[in-house]
Amino acid sequence: MRLQRGNKTRGGAMVEFAVTMPLLLLMTVAASDFSRIFWESTVMSRAAETAAKYGAQDNQSSAKYADMQRLASNSSSHLENVTPTADRVCDCPSAPGTWVNCLDTSCPNYGTPRAYSRVRVAKTFSTMGYYPGLPQNTSLTWRGFMRVQ
């Protein structure tokens, strides 16, 4: 007596599942990493902006670098290894973007230079896994820049 199998495609779904599952898992992990880098960038951007706003309140606040750095750190406290730096820069309207000494310079036909509060927030982002062709560590840097009132 010979046994006959009625369906010759039996087990095909298992093979398809075994072939596609690693690809689906890789896509899920990659999407998770992309979400993490986007979220961390957003947090860092807001931290830099918040600290720059604090420094832009007035000339006294713009010189409180430690307070601006602390505010940026507190705003991004749930992220690891974030490094904030803060400073104040000045320019003259006749040469925008050319930094001058805030205390010793007088701008021609203007007087006191315009002061800006500047905060930089940096961090190294590491992916959860290795993706061929993509770096595993990426440097994220965000800057907050505002004119002092």
Protein backbone atom coordinates (compact mmCIF):
# COMPACT_ATOMS: atom_id res chain seq x y z
CA MET A 1 0.00 0.00 0.00
CA ARG A 2 1.40 3.33 -1.00
CA LEU A 3 0.67 6.65 0.81
CA GLN A 4 -0.18 9.56 -1.42
CA ARG A 5 0.29 13.11 -0.39
CA GLY A 6 -2.53 15.28 -1.48
CA ASN A 7 -0.75 18.65 -1.53
CA LYS A 8 2.76 18.94 -2.93
CA THR A 9 3.18 22.57 -1.73
CA ARG A 10 2.86 21.61 1.88
CA GLY A 11 5.46 23.43 4.01
CA GLY A 12 5.94 26.22 1.45
CA ALA A 13 4.68 28.82 3.90
CA MET A 14 7.27 27.72 6.45
CA VAL A 15 10.07 28.13 3.94
CA GLU A 16 8.83 31.57 2.88
CA PHE A 17 8.57 32.60 6.52
CA ALA A 18 12.12 31.36 7.23
CA VAL A 19 13.47 33.31 4.24
CA THR A 20 11.64 36.61 4.88
CA MET A 21 11.85 36.75 8.69
CA PRO A 22 15.52 37.88 8.90
CA LEU A 23 14.81 40.64 6.38
CA LEU A 24 11.75 41.82 8.31
CA LEU A 25 13.73 41.76 11.56
CA LEU A 26 16.56 43.82 9.99
CA MET A 27 14.04 46.35 8.67
CA THR A 28 12.42 46.64 12.11
CA VAL A 29 15.75 47.25 13.86
CA ALA A 30 16.79 49.78 11.19
CA ALA A 31 13.49 51.65 11.56
CA SER A 32 13.99 51.68 15.33
CA ASP A 33 17.51 53.15 14.92
CA PHE A 34 16.21 55.79 12.53
CA SER A 35 13.52 56.72 15.05
CA ARG A 36 16.11 56.98 17.85
CA ILE A 37 18.44 59.26 15.87
CA PHE A 38 15.50 61.48 14.87
CA TRP A 39 14.23 61.70 18.46
CA GLU A 40 17.69 62.42 19.92
CA SER A 41 18.30 65.11 17.29
CA THR A 42 15.01 66.77 18.16
CA VAL A 43 15.81 66.73 21.90
CA MET A 44 19.28 68.19 21.28
CA SER A 45 17.92 70.90 18.98
CA ARG A 46 15.42 72.01 21.60
CA ALA A 47 18.06 71.94 24.34
CA ALA A 48 20.39 74.20 22.31
CA GLU A 49 17.53 76.56 21.46
CA THR A 50 16.33 76.76 25.08
CA ALA A 51 19.82 77.57 26.38
CA ALA A 52 20.40 80.17 23.66
CA LYS A 53 17.07 81.83 24.54
CA TYR A 54 18.13 82.02 28.17
CA GLY A 55 21.39 83.73 27.19
CA ALA A 56 19.62 86.12 24.82
CA GLN A 57 17.53 87.72 27.59
CA ASP A 58 20.07 90.47 28.30
CA ASN A 59 23.82 91.15 28.42
CA GLN A 60 24.15 89.72 31.94
CA SER A 61 22.48 86.42 30.97
CA SER A 62 24.59 86.13 27.82
CA ALA A 63 27.75 86.01 29.96
CA LYS A 64 26.46 83.18 32.18
CA TYR A 65 28.00 80.35 30.18
CA ALA A 66 27.81 77.81 32.99
CA ASP A 67 24.08 78.48 33.44
CA MET A 68 23.43 78.08 29.71
CA GLN A 69 25.39 74.82 29.64
CA ARG A 70 23.55 73.53 32.72
CA LEU A 71 20.20 74.40 31.12
CA ALA A 72 21.17 72.56 27.91
CA SER A 73 22.28 69.53 29.96
CA ASN A 74 19.06 69.53 32.00
CA SER A 75 16.96 69.86 28.83
CA SER A 76 18.65 66.78 27.40
CA SER A 77 19.19 64.90 30.67
CA HIS A 78 17.60 61.66 29.44
CA LEU A 79 20.27 61.37 26.71
CA GLU A 80 23.71 59.99 27.53
CA ASN A 81 27.05 61.72 26.87
CA VAL A 82 25.71 65.09 25.71
CA THR A 83 28.32 67.85 25.72
CA PRO A 84 27.01 71.45 25.75
CA THR A 85 29.21 74.51 25.21
CA ALA A 86 28.09 78.13 25.38
CA ASP A 87 29.59 81.48 24.52
CA ARG A 88 28.77 85.00 23.41
CA VAL A 89 29.91 86.50 20.12
CA CYS A 90 29.55 90.00 18.68
CA ASP A 91 29.54 91.55 15.24
CA CYS A 92 29.17 94.97 13.61
CA PRO A 93 26.28 95.71 11.23
CA SER A 94 28.80 96.91 8.62
CA ALA A 95 30.43 93.43 8.59
CA PRO A 96 27.83 90.83 9.60
CA GLY A 97 29.27 87.42 10.43
CA THR A 98 32.71 88.83 11.22
CA TRP A 99 33.16 88.33 14.94
CA VAL A 100 34.67 91.16 16.97
CA ASN A 101 35.65 91.55 20.62
CA CYS A 102 32.44 92.29 22.53
CA LEU A 103 34.09 94.53 25.14
CA ASP A 104 36.88 96.39 23.33
CA THR A 105 35.32 97.12 19.95
CA SER A 106 33.25 100.03 18.75
CA CYS A 107 31.51 99.64 15.40
CA PRO A 108 31.90 102.55 12.94
CA ASN A 109 28.69 104.56 12.61
CA TYR A 110 26.94 102.20 15.02
CA GLY A 111 28.59 102.10 18.45
CA THR A 112 28.43 98.97 20.59
CA PRO A 113 28.58 95.72 18.62
CA ARG A 114 25.54 93.44 18.41
CA ALA A 115 25.83 90.52 20.85
CA TYR A 116 24.65 86.97 20.23
CA SER A 117 24.16 84.03 22.57
CA ARG A 118 25.50 80.82 21.05
CA VAL A 119 25.08 77.27 22.40
CA ARG A 120 26.39 74.06 20.85
CA VAL A 121 25.14 70.62 21.94
CA ALA A 122 27.08 67.56 20.72
CA LYS A 123 26.83 63.79 21.14
CA THR A 124 28.00 60.60 19.45
CA PHE A 125 25.08 58.41 18.37
CA SER A 126 25.68 54.65 18.17
CA THR A 127 23.38 52.34 16.24
CA MET A 128 22.00 49.16 17.84
CA GLY A 129 23.53 46.98 15.16
CA TYR A 130 25.89 46.94 12.21
CA TYR A 131 24.50 47.93 8.80
CA PRO A 132 26.81 47.34 5.83
CA GLY A 133 27.75 50.62 4.18
CA LEU A 134 26.61 52.79 7.10
CA PRO A 135 28.78 54.07 9.97
CA GLN A 136 28.02 52.61 13.38
CA ASN A 137 28.86 55.88 15.20
CA THR A 138 27.61 59.26 14.02
CA SER A 139 28.37 62.65 15.50
CA LEU A 140 25.27 64.76 16.17
CA THR A 141 25.69 68.51 16.67
CA TRP A 142 23.02 71.15 17.10
CA ARG A 143 23.49 74.89 17.61
CA GLY A 144 21.27 77.51 19.16
CA PHE A 145 22.00 81.08 18.09
CA MET A 146 20.09 84.18 19.20
CA ARG A 147 20.66 87.91 19.32
CA VAL A 148 20.88 89.35 22.81
CA GLN A 149 18.04 91.78 23.60
